[in-house]
Protein backbone atom coordinates (compact mmCIF):
# COMPACT_ATOMS: atom_id res chain seq x y z
CA MET A 1 4.29 -36.36 15.59
CA ALA A 2 4.21 -37.74 12.08
CA GLN A 3 7.13 -36.96 9.87
CA THR A 4 6.58 -33.88 7.60
CA HIS A 5 7.21 -34.05 3.92
CA VAL A 6 6.79 -31.52 1.11
CA GLU A 7 4.69 -32.19 -1.99
CA GLN A 8 2.91 -30.25 -4.68
CA PHE A 9 -0.07 -28.27 -3.48
CA GLY A 10 -3.37 -29.62 -4.69
CA SER A 11 -6.68 -27.81 -4.99
CA LYS A 12 -8.26 -29.88 -2.19
CA ARG A 13 -5.83 -28.22 0.21
CA VAL A 14 -7.18 -24.67 -0.44
CA PRO A 15 -9.63 -24.59 2.51
CA GLU A 16 -6.97 -25.92 4.92
CA ALA A 17 -4.50 -23.27 3.68
CA ALA A 18 -7.02 -20.46 4.14
CA ARG A 19 -7.57 -21.68 7.74
CA LEU A 20 -3.82 -21.76 8.42
CA PHE A 21 -3.42 -18.13 7.22
CA ALA A 22 -6.46 -17.02 9.23
CA GLN A 23 -4.96 -18.64 12.32
CA ASN A 24 -1.70 -16.75 11.85
CA TYR A 25 -3.49 -13.51 11.05
CA ASP A 26 -5.47 -13.80 14.34
CA HIS A 27 -2.16 -13.67 16.17
CA LEU A 28 -1.33 -10.47 14.33
CA ARG A 29 -4.68 -8.96 15.27
CA CYS A 30 -4.09 -9.74 18.92
CA ALA A 31 -0.83 -7.76 18.73
CA VAL A 32 -2.33 -4.96 16.56
CA PRO A 33 -6.05 -4.66 17.22
CA ALA A 34 -6.39 -1.88 14.65
CA MET A 35 -6.07 -4.43 11.85
CA PRO A 36 -9.22 -5.31 9.91
CA ALA A 37 -11.27 -8.14 11.28
CA ARG A 38 -12.18 -9.58 7.86
CA TYR A 39 -8.94 -11.51 7.35
CA SER A 40 -9.58 -13.61 10.44
CA ASP A 41 -12.26 -15.33 8.30
CA PRO A 42 -10.74 -18.00 6.03
CA SER A 43 -13.27 -17.08 3.32
CA ALA A 44 -11.40 -13.76 2.89
CA THR A 45 -8.41 -15.49 1.32
CA THR A 46 -9.85 -18.73 -0.05
CA SER A 47 -10.41 -17.37 -3.53
CA LEU A 48 -7.00 -15.70 -3.56
CA ILE A 49 -5.24 -18.99 -2.67
CA GLU A 50 -7.42 -20.88 -5.09
CA GLN A 51 -6.56 -18.51 -7.95
CA MET A 52 -2.79 -18.83 -7.10
CA GLN A 53 -3.04 -22.59 -7.05
CA HIS A 54 -4.71 -22.58 -10.43
CA SER A 55 -2.22 -20.19 -12.03
CA TYR A 56 1.16 -20.71 -10.36
CA PRO A 57 3.27 -23.45 -8.69
CA MET A 58 2.60 -24.07 -5.05
CA VAL A 59 4.03 -26.56 -2.50
CA ALA A 60 2.55 -28.03 0.70
CA ALA A 61 4.01 -29.43 3.92
CA ILE A 62 2.11 -32.46 5.11
CA SER A 63 2.29 -34.17 8.51
CA GLY A 64 0.43 -37.46 8.32
CA THR A 65 -2.61 -36.33 6.31
CA LYS A 66 -2.71 -32.80 7.73
CA LEU A 67 -1.51 -29.62 5.98
CA VAL A 68 0.89 -27.82 8.27
CA GLY A 69 2.31 -25.36 5.81
CA TYR A 70 2.03 -24.06 2.22
CA LEU A 71 3.95 -21.63 -0.08
CA GLY A 72 3.30 -20.22 -3.56
CA GLY A 73 4.12 -17.20 -5.58
CA MET A 74 3.09 -15.22 -8.59
CA LEU A 75 5.56 -15.47 -11.54
CA LEU A 76 6.32 -11.94 -12.79
CA PRO A 77 8.04 -10.83 -16.07
CA GLN A 78 10.10 -8.28 -14.06
CA LEU A 79 10.64 -7.77 -10.37
CA LYS A 80 12.91 -5.05 -8.83
CA GLY A 81 14.78 -4.60 -12.10
CA LYS A 82 14.86 -6.40 -15.43
CA ASP A 83 15.14 -9.92 -14.13
CA ARG A 84 12.05 -12.11 -13.97
CA GLY A 85 10.81 -12.83 -10.48
CA ALA A 86 8.40 -14.61 -8.12
CA PHE A 87 6.44 -12.75 -5.53
CA CYS A 88 4.69 -14.48 -2.57
CA PRO A 89 2.15 -12.19 -0.88
CA GLU A 90 1.46 -12.46 2.85
CA TRP A 91 -1.53 -14.79 2.26
CA GLY A 92 0.48 -16.94 -0.13
CA HIS A 93 2.17 -18.82 2.69
CA ALA A 94 1.63 -19.97 6.23
CA VAL A 95 2.94 -22.55 8.68
CA CYS A 96 0.83 -23.93 11.48
CA ALA A 97 1.16 -21.53 14.49
CA ASP A 98 0.77 -24.37 17.00
CA LEU A 99 4.02 -26.02 16.07
CA PRO A 100 7.27 -25.41 18.01
CA PRO A 101 9.31 -22.47 16.77
CA LEU A 102 12.22 -24.60 15.54
CA GLU A 103 9.82 -26.87 13.59
CA ARG A 104 8.03 -23.90 12.04
CA ARG A 105 11.26 -22.41 10.85
CA ARG A 106 12.41 -25.82 9.43
CA ILE A 107 9.19 -26.23 7.52
CA TYR A 108 9.44 -22.68 6.04
CA ARG A 109 12.96 -23.42 4.79
CA ARG A 110 11.94 -26.79 3.33
CA LEU A 111 8.98 -25.13 1.57
CA TYR A 112 11.26 -22.53 0.07
CA GLU A 113 13.76 -25.21 -0.98
CA ALA A 114 11.04 -26.91 -2.95
CA ILE A 115 9.38 -23.85 -4.51
CA GLY A 116 12.77 -22.21 -5.18
CA GLU A 117 13.83 -25.02 -7.43
CA GLN A 118 10.67 -24.54 -9.48
CA TRP A 119 11.11 -20.76 -9.61
CA LEU A 120 14.68 -21.17 -10.82
CA ARG A 121 13.66 -23.62 -13.50
CA GLU A 122 11.35 -20.88 -14.70
CA GLY A 123 14.22 -18.48 -14.85
CA ARG A 124 13.10 -16.43 -11.83
CA LEU A 125 16.10 -14.90 -10.16
CA ASN A 126 14.41 -12.31 -8.01
CA HIS A 127 12.33 -13.64 -5.09
CA ALA A 128 10.16 -11.50 -2.86
CA VAL A 129 7.95 -12.57 0.05
CA SER A 130 5.61 -10.58 2.34
CA ILE A 131 5.54 -11.76 5.98
CA LEU A 132 3.14 -10.95 8.82
CA ALA A 133 5.42 -8.82 11.02
CA HIS A 134 4.47 -10.45 14.35
CA ASP A 135 5.58 -13.91 13.15
CA ARG A 136 9.20 -14.09 14.43
CA ASP A 137 9.62 -17.68 13.24
CA ALA A 138 8.76 -16.72 9.68
CA VAL A 139 10.99 -13.63 9.79
CA ASP A 140 13.88 -15.76 11.02
CA ALA A 141 13.30 -18.43 8.43
CA TRP A 142 13.41 -16.01 5.55
CA PHE A 143 16.41 -14.19 6.99
CA TRP A 144 18.24 -17.47 7.18
CA SER A 145 17.30 -18.01 3.58
CA THR A 146 19.32 -14.88 2.73
CA PHE A 147 16.33 -12.57 2.23
CA GLY A 148 16.69 -8.89 3.20
CA LEU A 149 14.15 -6.33 4.25
CA LEU A 150 12.72 -4.22 1.42
CA VAL A 151 9.39 -2.62 2.37
CA VAL A 152 7.41 -2.28 5.66
CA ASP A 153 3.63 -1.89 5.91
CA VAL A 154 2.52 -0.09 9.08
CA VAL A 155 -0.88 0.67 10.68
CA ARG A 156 -2.35 2.71 13.51
CA ASP A 157 -5.78 3.65 14.74
CA LEU A 158 -7.03 7.15 14.17
CA SER A 159 -6.33 8.60 17.56
CA PRO A 160 -4.28 11.78 17.50
CA VAL A 161 -0.48 11.66 17.63
CA ALA A 162 1.01 13.52 20.59
CA SER A 163 3.02 16.64 19.68
CA ALA A 164 5.38 18.76 21.67
CA PRO A 165 4.04 22.05 23.09
CA GLY A 166 4.44 24.78 20.50
CA SER A 167 5.05 22.25 17.72
CA ALA A 168 4.12 23.43 14.29
CA ALA A 169 3.74 27.03 15.43
CA GLY A 170 3.26 29.32 12.50
CA VAL A 171 2.23 26.45 10.25
CA ALA A 172 -1.09 26.24 8.32
CA ILE A 173 -2.36 23.04 6.71
CA ARG A 174 -5.08 22.83 4.00
CA PRO A 175 -6.00 20.62 1.05
CA ALA A 176 -4.07 21.51 -2.04
CA THR A 177 -5.96 22.37 -5.20
CA PRO A 178 -4.98 22.34 -8.90
CA ASP A 179 -4.33 26.08 -8.50
CA ASP A 180 -1.38 25.12 -6.30
CA ALA A 181 0.24 22.90 -8.95
CA GLN A 182 2.89 25.39 -10.09
CA ARG A 183 4.23 26.12 -6.63
CA LEU A 184 4.08 22.39 -5.75
CA LEU A 185 5.96 21.26 -8.88
CA PRO A 186 9.40 21.66 -7.30
CA VAL A 187 8.27 19.90 -4.15
CA PHE A 188 7.01 16.92 -6.18
CA ALA A 189 10.21 16.86 -8.15
CA GLU A 190 12.36 16.98 -4.97
CA HIS A 191 10.30 14.15 -3.49
CA VAL A 192 11.04 11.94 -6.47
CA ALA A 193 14.73 12.87 -6.45
CA TYR A 194 14.95 11.92 -2.77
CA TYR A 195 13.87 8.39 -3.64
CA ARG A 196 16.27 8.17 -6.51
CA ARG A 197 19.28 9.04 -4.30
CA ALA A 198 21.37 6.71 -1.95
CA PRO A 199 20.55 4.70 -0.01
CA ILE A 200 16.98 4.20 -1.36
CA TRP A 201 17.77 4.06 -5.11
CA LEU A 202 14.14 3.64 -6.04
CA PRO A 203 13.73 4.53 -9.79
CA LYS A 204 10.55 6.52 -9.47
CA PRO A 205 9.59 8.26 -12.81
CA LEU A 206 10.66 11.91 -12.94
CA VAL A 207 7.83 14.43 -12.71
CA ALA A 208 7.00 15.29 -16.26
CA GLY A 209 5.64 18.77 -15.61
CA VAL A 210 2.93 20.83 -14.01
CA ARG A 211 0.17 18.98 -15.88
CA GLU A 212 1.06 15.79 -13.95
CA VAL A 213 0.79 17.70 -10.62
CA VAL A 214 -2.60 19.13 -11.71
CA ASP A 215 -3.85 15.65 -12.48
CA GLU A 216 -2.75 14.31 -9.06
CA LEU A 217 -4.33 17.21 -7.26
CA ALA A 218 -7.58 16.64 -9.11
CA ASP A 219 -7.86 12.90 -8.28
CA PRO A 220 -11.23 12.53 -6.47
CA LYS A 221 -10.01 9.44 -4.51
CA SER A 222 -7.10 11.26 -2.88
CA THR A 223 -6.20 14.47 -1.15
CA VAL A 224 -2.80 16.17 -1.02
CA TRP A 225 -2.46 18.19 2.19
CA LEU A 226 -0.22 21.24 1.99
CA ALA A 227 1.71 22.68 4.92
CA GLU A 228 2.55 26.38 4.55
CA ASP A 229 4.46 28.92 6.66
CA ILE A 230 1.85 31.41 7.76
CA ALA A 231 4.22 34.39 7.69
CA SER A 232 5.90 33.83 4.35
CA GLY A 233 3.46 31.56 2.59
CA ALA A 234 6.35 29.16 1.68
CA VAL A 235 5.54 25.52 1.14
CA LEU A 236 6.96 23.40 3.96
CA GLY A 237 5.72 19.90 3.06
CA ILE A 238 2.99 17.68 1.74
CA MET A 239 1.21 14.48 2.79
CA LYS A 240 -1.27 12.59 0.65
CA HIS A 241 -4.03 10.24 1.64
CA SER A 242 -6.12 8.00 -0.55
CA VAL A 243 -9.22 5.84 -0.16
CA ASP A 244 -9.76 2.56 -1.94
CA SER A 245 -6.02 2.19 -2.43
CA ASP A 246 -4.74 -1.17 -3.69
CA ASP A 247 -1.02 -0.31 -3.67
CA ALA A 248 -0.16 -2.07 -0.40
CA SER A 249 -0.31 -5.47 1.32
CA THR A 250 -3.68 -7.16 1.13
CA VAL A 251 -4.26 -7.37 4.85
CA VAL A 252 -4.36 -3.58 5.30
CA ARG A 253 -6.98 -3.08 2.52
CA ASP A 254 -10.47 -2.57 3.87
CA GLU A 255 -13.35 -0.20 3.42
CA ALA A 256 -12.44 1.36 6.79
CA THR A 257 -8.80 1.99 5.90
CA VAL A 258 -7.47 5.33 4.80
CA ALA A 259 -3.98 5.08 3.25
CA CYS A 260 -1.19 7.60 3.40
CA THR A 261 0.27 7.29 -0.11
CA GLY A 262 2.98 9.94 -0.02
CA ALA A 263 4.68 12.43 2.29
CA TYR A 264 7.60 14.82 2.02
CA VAL A 265 8.75 17.61 4.29
CA LEU A 266 11.42 19.87 2.79
CA PRO A 267 14.76 19.51 4.59
CA ALA A 268 14.86 23.12 5.78
CA SER A 269 11.46 22.66 7.40
CA ARG A 270 12.19 19.50 9.38
CA GLY A 271 12.22 19.70 13.16
CA ARG A 272 9.25 22.13 13.30
CA GLY A 273 6.58 19.50 13.84
CA VAL A 274 5.34 19.75 10.23
CA GLY A 275 5.21 16.00 9.70
CA VAL A 276 3.21 15.40 12.84
CA ALA A 277 0.82 18.21 12.03
CA LEU A 278 0.23 16.75 8.56
CA LEU A 279 -0.26 13.25 9.99
CA ASN A 280 -2.78 14.52 12.59
CA THR A 281 -4.68 16.31 9.87
CA ILE A 282 -5.17 13.05 7.96
CA LEU A 283 -6.06 11.15 11.16
CA ALA A 284 -8.67 13.84 11.95
CA TRP A 285 -10.05 13.62 8.39
CA GLY A 286 -10.39 9.84 8.90
CA ARG A 287 -12.21 10.15 12.17
CA ARG A 288 -14.65 12.69 10.67
CA ASN A 289 -15.36 10.44 7.69
CA GLY A 290 -15.99 7.17 9.56
CA TYR A 291 -12.74 5.37 8.93
CA GLN A 292 -11.03 3.21 11.55
CA ARG A 293 -7.33 2.99 10.71
CA LEU A 294 -4.44 4.54 8.73
CA SER A 295 -2.05 2.48 6.75
CA LEU A 296 1.08 3.13 4.69
CA ASP A 297 4.21 1.42 3.42
CA PHE A 298 7.72 2.64 3.18
CA GLU A 299 11.07 1.49 1.89
CA ALA A 300 13.34 0.10 4.61
CA THR A 301 16.20 2.25 3.21
CA ASN A 302 14.21 5.45 3.62
CA LEU A 303 16.15 6.76 6.59
CA PHE A 304 14.09 9.77 7.41
CA GLY A 305 10.76 8.09 6.67
CA ALA A 306 11.46 4.97 8.66
CA GLU A 307 12.49 6.96 11.67
CA PHE A 308 9.27 9.06 11.49
CA TRP A 309 6.76 6.40 10.69
CA LEU A 310 7.96 3.87 13.26
CA LYS A 311 7.41 6.47 16.04
CA HIS A 312 3.75 6.60 15.22
CA LEU A 313 2.64 3.38 13.44
CA THR A 314 3.14 -0.31 14.04
CA PRO A 315 4.71 -2.72 11.52
CA VAL A 316 2.24 -5.37 10.27
CA VAL A 317 3.88 -6.75 7.17
CA TYR A 318 7.57 -7.02 6.19
CA SER A 319 8.38 -7.58 2.48
CA VAL A 320 11.75 -9.23 1.94
CA PHE A 321 13.79 -9.84 -1.13
CA ARG A 322 16.52 -12.13 -2.50
CA HIS A 323 18.38 -12.06 -5.82
CA VAL A 324 19.77 -15.49 -6.89
CA ASN A 325 23.14 -15.40 -8.67
CA ASP A 326 22.41 -15.23 -12.41
CA HIS A 327 25.20 -17.74 -13.06
CA MET A 328 22.70 -20.36 -11.85
CA LEU A 329 20.89 -20.02 -15.23
CA MET A 330 24.01 -20.92 -17.18
CA LYS A 331 24.67 -24.53 -18.24
CA GLU A 332 28.37 -24.06 -17.33
CA PRO A 333 28.71 -21.43 -14.55
CA PRO A 334 32.11 -19.64 -14.66
CA ALA A 335 34.80 -21.25 -12.49
């Protein structure tokens, strides 16, 4: 095998890069058949890679004359805080799937070494990368580059989720309307507060008031499902689905994907099967309306959410994060 070297990524390499990503994505689809077929076609990501190459730095791993890996990232004014950052989406990198695992991991680390120098020269301290979850070599390479898990994208087909006999007894589920806004205001507020607490510490904006809830319930592209106790009428939890959502990894976006974009069951109502009942309601809605899959993403530090979602959906993308010591931007780092 010819020796591999890393160089700047040129525009002539875009078609090869799109083919490398499509090859890796095919392996993911074999593991998770519910994933969209469109990203197995290199043309689905050619324009994305081309635009990245035109706008941001990218590097290529070359063996002989052949592209065996590439890596690039979008330069952002802020990323996970006030520091500037660089974000590499799941289609913004790939290493040839036919290479031995040790070589694949080595190439990934060499690519990051090269692009990382460029990111740091641009003052980018926060680095984030999305990885196809089936790719163990890529996961290991980024872990050994001191990246930690941040967000997980998961997918499932629309078949019903099994529930225990008698689960969700005495629970009614229906679409919420703007008339429900006042009684849902404390639920929305508690949902936000949950994310702002340890160990998630996600600084979601506080709910401004009932008007914000009314606007969300009136959104024609989404539905908030409301679980109520039949006897008392008390709100037990909510789950929201959206169509045409772009707030997730690229590879889950598709005209046949319905996205779950929020869920919260009140602590006192957990253990009654409310979450599964809400999930099955969205799955049934998707089946009736011609969709093929459900997607969602959750923070890795969301303890309750991670436990629930991983029972019923399969990880397809891991997004990982690293913060470089800000002393590296100083001419004379402290001793």
